[in-house]
mmCIF file of all heavy atoms, coordinates in Angstrom:
data_MODEL
# 
_entry.id   MODEL 
# 
loop_
_atom_site.group_PDB 
_atom_site.id 
_atom_site.type_symbol 
_atom_site.label_atom_id 
_atom_site.label_alt_id 
_atom_site.label_comp_id 
_atom_site.label_asym_id 
_atom_site.label_entity_id 
_atom_site.label_seq_id 
_atom_site.pdbx_PDB_ins_code 
_atom_site.Cartn_x 
_atom_site.Cartn_y 
_atom_site.Cartn_z 
_atom_site.occupancy 
_atom_site.B_iso_or_equiv 
_atom_site.pdbx_formal_charge 
_atom_site.auth_seq_id 
_atom_site.auth_comp_id 
_atom_site.auth_asym_id 
_atom_site.auth_atom_id 
_atom_site.pdbx_PDB_model_num 
ATOM 1   N N   . GLY A 1 1  ? 36.148 72.617 103.887 1.00 0.00 ? 1  GLY A N   1 
ATOM 2   C CA  . GLY A 1 1  ? 37.413 73.344 103.832 1.00 0.00 ? 1  GLY A CA  1 
ATOM 3   C C   . GLY A 1 1  ? 38.469 72.918 104.821 1.00 0.00 ? 1  GLY A C   1 
ATOM 4   O O   . GLY A 1 1  ? 39.416 73.668 105.086 1.00 0.00 ? 1  GLY A O   1 
ATOM 5   N N   . LEU A 1 2  ? 38.354 71.716 105.372 1.00 0.00 ? 2  LEU A N   1 
ATOM 6   C CA  . LEU A 1 2  ? 39.336 71.248 106.348 1.00 0.00 ? 2  LEU A CA  1 
ATOM 7   C C   . LEU A 1 2  ? 40.175 70.089 105.833 1.00 0.00 ? 2  LEU A C   1 
ATOM 8   O O   . LEU A 1 2  ? 40.854 69.404 106.605 1.00 0.00 ? 2  LEU A O   1 
ATOM 9   C CB  . LEU A 1 2  ? 38.634 70.820 107.645 1.00 0.00 ? 2  LEU A CB  1 
ATOM 10  C CG  . LEU A 1 2  ? 37.997 71.923 108.484 1.00 0.00 ? 2  LEU A CG  1 
ATOM 11  C CD1 . LEU A 1 2  ? 37.322 71.331 109.711 1.00 0.00 ? 2  LEU A CD1 1 
ATOM 12  C CD2 . LEU A 1 2  ? 39.036 72.960 108.893 1.00 0.00 ? 2  LEU A CD2 1 
ATOM 13  N N   . ALA A 1 3  ? 40.160 69.858 104.546 1.00 0.00 ? 3  ALA A N   1 
ATOM 14  C CA  . ALA A 1 3  ? 40.877 68.705 103.994 1.00 0.00 ? 3  ALA A CA  1 
ATOM 15  C C   . ALA A 1 3  ? 42.376 68.778 104.291 1.00 0.00 ? 3  ALA A C   1 
ATOM 16  O O   . ALA A 1 3  ? 43.020 67.750 104.549 1.00 0.00 ? 3  ALA A O   1 
ATOM 17  C CB  . ALA A 1 3  ? 40.650 68.628 102.486 1.00 0.00 ? 3  ALA A CB  1 
ATOM 18  N N   . ASP A 1 4  ? 42.948 69.974 104.266 1.00 0.00 ? 4  ASP A N   1 
ATOM 19  C CA  . ASP A 1 4  ? 44.389 70.116 104.465 1.00 0.00 ? 4  ASP A CA  1 
ATOM 20  C C   . ASP A 1 4  ? 44.740 70.531 105.890 1.00 0.00 ? 4  ASP A C   1 
ATOM 21  O O   . ASP A 1 4  ? 45.920 70.816 106.178 1.00 0.00 ? 4  ASP A O   1 
ATOM 22  C CB  . ASP A 1 4  ? 44.950 71.142 103.477 1.00 0.00 ? 4  ASP A CB  1 
ATOM 23  C CG  . ASP A 1 4  ? 44.758 70.709 102.027 1.00 0.00 ? 4  ASP A CG  1 
ATOM 24  O OD1 . ASP A 1 4  ? 44.856 69.499 101.771 1.00 0.00 ? 4  ASP A OD1 1 
ATOM 25  O OD2 . ASP A 1 4  ? 44.492 71.592 101.169 1.00 0.00 ? 4  ASP A OD2 1 
ATOM 26  N N   . ALA A 1 5  ? 43.761 70.569 106.761 1.00 0.00 ? 5  ALA A N   1 
ATOM 27  C CA  . ALA A 1 5  ? 44.034 70.967 108.143 1.00 0.00 ? 5  ALA A CA  1 
ATOM 28  C C   . ALA A 1 5  ? 44.744 69.830 108.875 1.00 0.00 ? 5  ALA A C   1 
ATOM 29  O O   . ALA A 1 5  ? 44.505 68.656 108.626 1.00 0.00 ? 5  ALA A O   1 
ATOM 30  C CB  . ALA A 1 5  ? 42.734 71.317 108.857 1.00 0.00 ? 5  ALA A CB  1 
ATOM 31  N N   . ASP A 1 6  ? 45.620 70.207 109.773 1.00 0.00 ? 6  ASP A N   1 
ATOM 32  C CA  . ASP A 1 6  ? 46.356 69.205 110.566 1.00 0.00 ? 6  ASP A CA  1 
ATOM 33  C C   . ASP A 1 6  ? 45.501 68.843 111.776 1.00 0.00 ? 6  ASP A C   1 
ATOM 34  O O   . ASP A 1 6  ? 45.635 69.435 112.852 1.00 0.00 ? 6  ASP A O   1 
ATOM 35  C CB  . ASP A 1 6  ? 47.708 69.775 110.987 1.00 0.00 ? 6  ASP A CB  1 
ATOM 36  C CG  . ASP A 1 6  ? 48.561 68.740 111.713 1.00 0.00 ? 6  ASP A CG  1 
ATOM 37  O OD1 . ASP A 1 6  ? 48.236 67.535 111.601 1.00 0.00 ? 6  ASP A OD1 1 
ATOM 38  O OD2 . ASP A 1 6  ? 49.522 69.143 112.385 1.00 0.00 ? 6  ASP A OD2 1 
ATOM 39  N N   . LEU A 1 7  ? 44.613 67.882 111.581 1.00 0.00 ? 7  LEU A N   1 
ATOM 40  C CA  . LEU A 1 7  ? 43.644 67.517 112.623 1.00 0.00 ? 7  LEU A CA  1 
ATOM 41  C C   . LEU A 1 7  ? 44.012 66.187 113.268 1.00 0.00 ? 7  LEU A C   1 
ATOM 42  O O   . LEU A 1 7  ? 44.638 65.325 112.629 1.00 0.00 ? 7  LEU A O   1 
ATOM 43  C CB  . LEU A 1 7  ? 42.239 67.397 112.018 1.00 0.00 ? 7  LEU A CB  1 
ATOM 44  C CG  . LEU A 1 7  ? 41.656 68.635 111.340 1.00 0.00 ? 7  LEU A CG  1 
ATOM 45  C CD1 . LEU A 1 7  ? 40.286 68.305 110.757 1.00 0.00 ? 7  LEU A CD1 1 
ATOM 46  C CD2 . LEU A 1 7  ? 41.566 69.792 112.321 1.00 0.00 ? 7  LEU A CD2 1 
ATOM 47  N N   . PRO A 1 8  ? 43.630 65.990 114.514 1.00 0.00 ? 8  PRO A N   1 
ATOM 48  C CA  . PRO A 1 8  ? 43.794 64.676 115.136 1.00 0.00 ? 8  PRO A CA  1 
ATOM 49  C C   . PRO A 1 8  ? 42.972 63.637 114.385 1.00 0.00 ? 8  PRO A C   1 
ATOM 50  O O   . PRO A 1 8  ? 42.089 63.969 113.585 1.00 0.00 ? 8  PRO A O   1 
ATOM 51  C CB  . PRO A 1 8  ? 43.257 64.891 116.559 1.00 0.00 ? 8  PRO A CB  1 
ATOM 52  C CG  . PRO A 1 8  ? 43.290 66.363 116.778 1.00 0.00 ? 8  PRO A CG  1 
ATOM 53  C CD  . PRO A 1 8  ? 43.050 66.980 115.436 1.00 0.00 ? 8  PRO A CD  1 
ATOM 54  N N   . GLY A 1 9  ? 43.229 62.372 114.643 1.00 0.00 ? 9  GLY A N   1 
ATOM 55  C CA  . GLY A 1 9  ? 42.489 61.305 113.998 1.00 0.00 ? 9  GLY A CA  1 
ATOM 56  C C   . GLY A 1 9  ? 41.007 61.349 114.322 1.00 0.00 ? 9  GLY A C   1 
ATOM 57  O O   . GLY A 1 9  ? 40.607 61.791 115.411 1.00 0.00 ? 9  GLY A O   1 
ATOM 58  N N   . GLN A 1 10 ? 40.204 60.886 113.389 1.00 0.00 ? 10 GLN A N   1 
ATOM 59  C CA  . GLN A 1 10 ? 38.751 60.935 113.550 1.00 0.00 ? 10 GLN A CA  1 
ATOM 60  C C   . GLN A 1 10 ? 38.290 60.260 114.831 1.00 0.00 ? 10 GLN A C   1 
ATOM 61  O O   . GLN A 1 10 ? 37.379 60.746 115.504 1.00 0.00 ? 10 GLN A O   1 
ATOM 62  C CB  . GLN A 1 10 ? 38.072 60.278 112.344 1.00 0.00 ? 10 GLN A CB  1 
ATOM 63  C CG  . GLN A 1 10 ? 36.551 60.212 112.456 1.00 0.00 ? 10 GLN A CG  1 
ATOM 64  C CD  . GLN A 1 10 ? 35.912 59.469 111.301 1.00 0.00 ? 10 GLN A CD  1 
ATOM 65  O OE1 . GLN A 1 10 ? 36.606 58.980 110.408 1.00 0.00 ? 10 GLN A OE1 1 
ATOM 66  N NE2 . GLN A 1 10 ? 34.592 59.369 111.295 1.00 0.00 ? 10 GLN A NE2 1 
ATOM 67  N N   . HIS A 1 11 ? 38.882 59.133 115.185 1.00 0.00 ? 11 HIS A N   1 
ATOM 68  C CA  . HIS A 1 11 ? 38.413 58.352 116.331 1.00 0.00 ? 11 HIS A CA  1 
ATOM 69  C C   . HIS A 1 11 ? 39.272 58.545 117.579 1.00 0.00 ? 11 HIS A C   1 
ATOM 70  O O   . HIS A 1 11 ? 39.224 57.722 118.499 1.00 0.00 ? 11 HIS A O   1 
ATOM 71  C CB  . HIS A 1 11 ? 38.337 56.876 115.938 1.00 0.00 ? 11 HIS A CB  1 
ATOM 72  C CG  . HIS A 1 11 ? 37.292 56.600 114.907 1.00 0.00 ? 11 HIS A CG  1 
ATOM 73  N ND1 . HIS A 1 11 ? 35.951 56.548 115.192 1.00 0.00 ? 11 HIS A ND1 1 
ATOM 74  C CD2 . HIS A 1 11 ? 37.395 56.400 113.562 1.00 0.00 ? 11 HIS A CD2 1 
ATOM 75  C CE1 . HIS A 1 11 ? 35.258 56.312 114.085 1.00 0.00 ? 11 HIS A CE1 1 
ATOM 76  N NE2 . HIS A 1 11 ? 36.110 56.215 113.082 1.00 0.00 ? 11 HIS A NE2 1 
ATOM 77  N N   . ASP A 1 12 ? 39.994 59.638 117.618 1.00 0.00 ? 12 ASP A N   1 
ATOM 78  C CA  . ASP A 1 12 ? 40.747 60.011 118.817 1.00 0.00 ? 12 ASP A CA  1 
ATOM 79  C C   . ASP A 1 12 ? 39.785 60.712 119.771 1.00 0.00 ? 12 ASP A C   1 
ATOM 80  O O   . ASP A 1 12 ? 39.562 61.918 119.694 1.00 0.00 ? 12 ASP A O   1 
ATOM 81  C CB  . ASP A 1 12 ? 41.909 60.936 118.438 1.00 0.00 ? 12 ASP A CB  1 
ATOM 82  C CG  . ASP A 1 12 ? 42.738 61.362 119.642 1.00 0.00 ? 12 ASP A CG  1 
ATOM 83  O OD1 . ASP A 1 12 ? 42.408 60.965 120.773 1.00 0.00 ? 12 ASP A OD1 1 
ATOM 84  O OD2 . ASP A 1 12 ? 43.725 62.108 119.433 1.00 0.00 ? 12 ASP A OD2 1 
ATOM 85  N N   . ALA A 1 13 ? 39.189 59.928 120.660 1.00 0.00 ? 13 ALA A N   1 
ATOM 86  C CA  . ALA A 1 13 ? 38.126 60.456 121.523 1.00 0.00 ? 13 ALA A CA  1 
ATOM 87  C C   . ALA A 1 13 ? 38.595 61.620 122.379 1.00 0.00 ? 13 ALA A C   1 
ATOM 88  O O   . ALA A 1 13 ? 37.802 62.515 122.719 1.00 0.00 ? 13 ALA A O   1 
ATOM 89  C CB  . ALA A 1 13 ? 37.567 59.334 122.405 1.00 0.00 ? 13 ALA A CB  1 
ATOM 90  N N   . ALA A 1 14 ? 39.856 61.631 122.741 1.00 0.00 ? 14 ALA A N   1 
ATOM 91  C CA  . ALA A 1 14 ? 40.366 62.724 123.570 1.00 0.00 ? 14 ALA A CA  1 
ATOM 92  C C   . ALA A 1 14 ? 40.319 64.053 122.825 1.00 0.00 ? 14 ALA A C   1 
ATOM 93  O O   . ALA A 1 14 ? 40.244 65.123 123.444 1.00 0.00 ? 14 ALA A O   1 
ATOM 94  C CB  . ALA A 1 14 ? 41.797 62.418 124.011 1.00 0.00 ? 14 ALA A CB  1 
ATOM 95  N N   . ALA A 1 15 ? 40.340 63.983 121.506 1.00 0.00 ? 15 ALA A N   1 
ATOM 96  C CA  . ALA A 1 15 ? 40.337 65.214 120.702 1.00 0.00 ? 15 ALA A CA  1 
ATOM 97  C C   . ALA A 1 15 ? 38.931 65.651 120.308 1.00 0.00 ? 15 ALA A C   1 
ATOM 98  O O   . ALA A 1 15 ? 38.759 66.737 119.732 1.00 0.00 ? 15 ALA A O   1 
ATOM 99  C CB  . ALA A 1 15 ? 41.182 65.008 119.440 1.00 0.00 ? 15 ALA A CB  1 
ATOM 100 N N   . TRP A 1 16 ? 37.934 64.842 120.588 1.00 0.00 ? 16 TRP A N   1 
ATOM 101 C CA  . TRP A 1 16 ? 36.573 65.158 120.150 1.00 0.00 ? 16 TRP A CA  1 
ATOM 102 C C   . TRP A 1 16 ? 36.068 66.514 120.648 1.00 0.00 ? 16 TRP A C   1 
ATOM 103 O O   . TRP A 1 16 ? 35.475 67.271 119.871 1.00 0.00 ? 16 TRP A O   1 
ATOM 104 C CB  . TRP A 1 16 ? 35.615 64.047 120.572 1.00 0.00 ? 16 TRP A CB  1 
ATOM 105 C CG  . TRP A 1 16 ? 35.739 62.797 119.738 1.00 0.00 ? 16 TRP A CG  1 
ATOM 106 C CD1 . TRP A 1 16 ? 36.502 62.637 118.618 1.00 0.00 ? 16 TRP A CD1 1 
ATOM 107 C CD2 . TRP A 1 16 ? 35.082 61.547 119.962 1.00 0.00 ? 16 TRP A CD2 1 
ATOM 108 N NE1 . TRP A 1 16 ? 36.363 61.356 118.126 1.00 0.00 ? 16 TRP A NE1 1 
ATOM 109 C CE2 . TRP A 1 16 ? 35.490 60.664 118.928 1.00 0.00 ? 16 TRP A CE2 1 
ATOM 110 C CE3 . TRP A 1 16 ? 34.196 61.079 120.919 1.00 0.00 ? 16 TRP A CE3 1 
ATOM 111 C CZ2 . TRP A 1 16 ? 35.042 59.360 118.850 1.00 0.00 ? 16 TRP A CZ2 1 
ATOM 112 C CZ3 . TRP A 1 16 ? 33.744 59.767 120.849 1.00 0.00 ? 16 TRP A CZ3 1 
ATOM 113 C CH2 . TRP A 1 16 ? 34.160 58.917 119.812 1.00 0.00 ? 16 TRP A CH2 1 
ATOM 114 N N   . PRO A 1 17 ? 36.267 66.872 121.931 1.00 0.00 ? 17 PRO A N   1 
ATOM 115 C CA  . PRO A 1 17 ? 35.756 68.185 122.380 1.00 0.00 ? 17 PRO A CA  1 
ATOM 116 C C   . PRO A 1 17 ? 36.349 69.352 121.590 1.00 0.00 ? 17 PRO A C   1 
ATOM 117 O O   . PRO A 1 17 ? 35.629 70.281 121.205 1.00 0.00 ? 17 PRO A O   1 
ATOM 118 C CB  . PRO A 1 17 ? 36.172 68.227 123.849 1.00 0.00 ? 17 PRO A CB  1 
ATOM 119 C CG  . PRO A 1 17 ? 36.241 66.786 124.266 1.00 0.00 ? 17 PRO A CG  1 
ATOM 120 C CD  . PRO A 1 17 ? 36.795 66.078 123.067 1.00 0.00 ? 17 PRO A CD  1 
ATOM 121 N N   . ALA A 1 18 ? 37.635 69.322 121.329 1.00 0.00 ? 18 ALA A N   1 
ATOM 122 C CA  . ALA A 1 18 ? 38.255 70.417 120.587 1.00 0.00 ? 18 ALA A CA  1 
ATOM 123 C C   . ALA A 1 18 ? 37.774 70.446 119.135 1.00 0.00 ? 18 ALA A C   1 
ATOM 124 O O   . ALA A 1 18 ? 37.532 71.527 118.568 1.00 0.00 ? 18 ALA A O   1 
ATOM 125 C CB  . ALA A 1 18 ? 39.777 70.272 120.632 1.00 0.00 ? 18 ALA A CB  1 
ATOM 126 N N   . LEU A 1 19 ? 37.646 69.272 118.539 1.00 0.00 ? 19 LEU A N   1 
ATOM 127 C CA  . LEU A 1 19 ? 37.149 69.201 117.166 1.00 0.00 ? 19 LEU A CA  1 
ATOM 128 C C   . LEU A 1 19 ? 35.703 69.665 117.081 1.00 0.00 ? 19 LEU A C   1 
ATOM 129 O O   . LEU A 1 19 ? 35.301 70.292 116.095 1.00 0.00 ? 19 LEU A O   1 
ATOM 130 C CB  . LEU A 1 19 ? 37.293 67.775 116.641 1.00 0.00 ? 19 LEU A CB  1 
ATOM 131 C CG  . LEU A 1 19 ? 38.734 67.321 116.378 1.00 0.00 ? 19 LEU A CG  1 
ATOM 132 C CD1 . LEU A 1 19 ? 38.778 65.818 116.107 1.00 0.00 ? 19 LEU A CD1 1 
ATOM 133 C CD2 . LEU A 1 19 ? 39.334 68.097 115.211 1.00 0.00 ? 19 LEU A CD2 1 
ATOM 134 N N   . ARG A 1 20 ? 34.928 69.390 118.125 1.00 0.00 ? 20 ARG A N   1 
ATOM 135 C CA  . ARG A 1 20 ? 33.539 69.865 118.156 1.00 0.00 ? 20 ARG A CA  1 
ATOM 136 C C   . ARG A 1 20 ? 33.499 71.386 118.148 1.00 0.00 ? 20 ARG A C   1 
ATOM 137 O O   . ARG A 1 20 ? 32.687 71.994 117.442 1.00 0.00 ? 20 ARG A O   1 
ATOM 138 C CB  . ARG A 1 20 ? 32.814 69.320 119.393 1.00 0.00 ? 20 ARG A CB  1 
ATOM 139 C CG  . ARG A 1 20 ? 31.398 69.876 119.565 1.00 0.00 ? 20 ARG A CG  1 
ATOM 140 C CD  . ARG A 1 20 ? 30.798 69.437 120.887 1.00 0.00 ? 20 ARG A CD  1 
ATOM 141 N NE  . ARG A 1 20 ? 30.854 67.986 120.975 1.00 0.00 ? 20 ARG A NE  1 
ATOM 142 C CZ  . ARG A 1 20 ? 30.004 67.167 120.352 1.00 0.00 ? 20 ARG A CZ  1 
ATOM 143 N NH1 . ARG A 1 20 ? 29.060 67.673 119.594 1.00 0.00 ? 20 ARG A NH1 1 
ATOM 144 N NH2 . ARG A 1 20 ? 30.111 65.865 120.493 1.00 0.00 ? 20 ARG A NH2 1 
ATOM 145 N N   . GLU A 1 21 ? 34.345 72.010 118.939 1.00 0.00 ? 21 GLU A N   1 
ATOM 146 C CA  . GLU A 1 21 ? 34.376 73.469 118.979 1.00 0.00 ? 21 GLU A CA  1 
ATOM 147 C C   . GLU A 1 21 ? 34.749 74.043 117.614 1.00 0.00 ? 21 GLU A C   1 
ATOM 148 O O   . GLU A 1 21 ? 34.199 75.055 117.170 1.00 0.00 ? 21 GLU A O   1 
ATOM 149 C CB  . GLU A 1 21 ? 35.365 73.941 120.043 1.00 0.00 ? 21 GLU A CB  1 
ATOM 150 C CG  . GLU A 1 21 ? 34.894 73.699 121.465 1.00 0.00 ? 21 GLU A CG  1 
ATOM 151 C CD  . GLU A 1 21 ? 33.577 74.387 121.774 1.00 0.00 ? 21 GLU A CD  1 
ATOM 152 O OE1 . GLU A 1 21 ? 33.407 75.563 121.371 1.00 0.00 ? 21 GLU A OE1 1 
ATOM 153 O OE2 . GLU A 1 21 ? 32.694 73.740 122.382 1.00 0.00 ? 21 GLU A OE2 1 
ATOM 154 N N   . LYS A 1 22 ? 35.678 73.393 116.941 1.00 0.00 ? 22 LYS A N   1 
ATOM 155 C CA  . LYS A 1 22 ? 36.091 73.861 115.617 1.00 0.00 ? 22 LYS A CA  1 
ATOM 156 C C   . LYS A 1 22 ? 34.924 73.772 114.630 1.00 0.00 ? 22 LYS A C   1 
ATOM 157 O O   . LYS A 1 22 ? 34.648 74.716 113.874 1.00 0.00 ? 22 LYS A O   1 
ATOM 158 C CB  . LYS A 1 22 ? 37.274 73.042 115.115 1.00 0.00 ? 22 LYS A CB  1 
ATOM 159 C CG  . LYS A 1 22 ? 37.802 73.464 113.745 1.00 0.00 ? 22 LYS A CG  1 
ATOM 160 C CD  . LYS A 1 22 ? 38.986 72.633 113.326 1.00 0.00 ? 22 LYS A CD  1 
ATOM 161 C CE  . LYS A 1 22 ? 40.226 73.000 114.100 1.00 0.00 ? 22 LYS A CE  1 
ATOM 162 N NZ  . LYS A 1 22 ? 40.736 74.369 113.738 1.00 0.00 ? 22 LYS A NZ  1 
ATOM 163 N N   . LEU A 1 23 ? 34.218 72.626 114.646 1.00 0.00 ? 23 LEU A N   1 
ATOM 164 C CA  . LEU A 1 23 ? 33.081 72.470 113.739 1.00 0.00 ? 23 LEU A CA  1 
ATOM 165 C C   . LEU A 1 23 ? 31.957 73.433 114.103 1.00 0.00 ? 23 LEU A C   1 
ATOM 166 O O   . LEU A 1 23 ? 31.299 73.998 113.219 1.00 0.00 ? 23 LEU A O   1 
ATOM 167 C CB  . LEU A 1 23 ? 32.567 71.029 113.783 1.00 0.00 ? 23 LEU A CB  1 
ATOM 168 C CG  . LEU A 1 23 ? 33.471 69.957 113.180 1.00 0.00 ? 23 LEU A CG  1 
ATOM 169 C CD1 . LEU A 1 23 ? 32.774 68.603 113.206 1.00 0.00 ? 23 LEU A CD1 1 
ATOM 170 C CD2 . LEU A 1 23 ? 33.878 70.309 111.759 1.00 0.00 ? 23 LEU A CD2 1 
ATOM 171 N N   . ALA A 1 24 ? 31.717 73.625 115.399 1.00 0.00 ? 24 ALA A N   1 
ATOM 172 C CA  . ALA A 1 24 ? 30.649 74.539 115.822 1.00 0.00 ? 24 ALA A CA  1 
ATOM 173 C C   . ALA A 1 24 ? 30.904 75.948 115.287 1.00 0.00 ? 24 ALA A C   1 
ATOM 174 O O   . ALA A 1 24 ? 29.980 76.631 114.825 1.00 0.00 ? 24 ALA A O   1 
ATOM 175 C CB  . ALA A 1 24 ? 30.544 74.552 117.345 1.00 0.00 ? 24 ALA A CB  1 
# 
């Protein structure tokens, strides 16, 4: 359900912690 979400790029390592929290 995140296809239309405005997310940082997949390989933007700086964004990984925040994206992890979202997935968790």
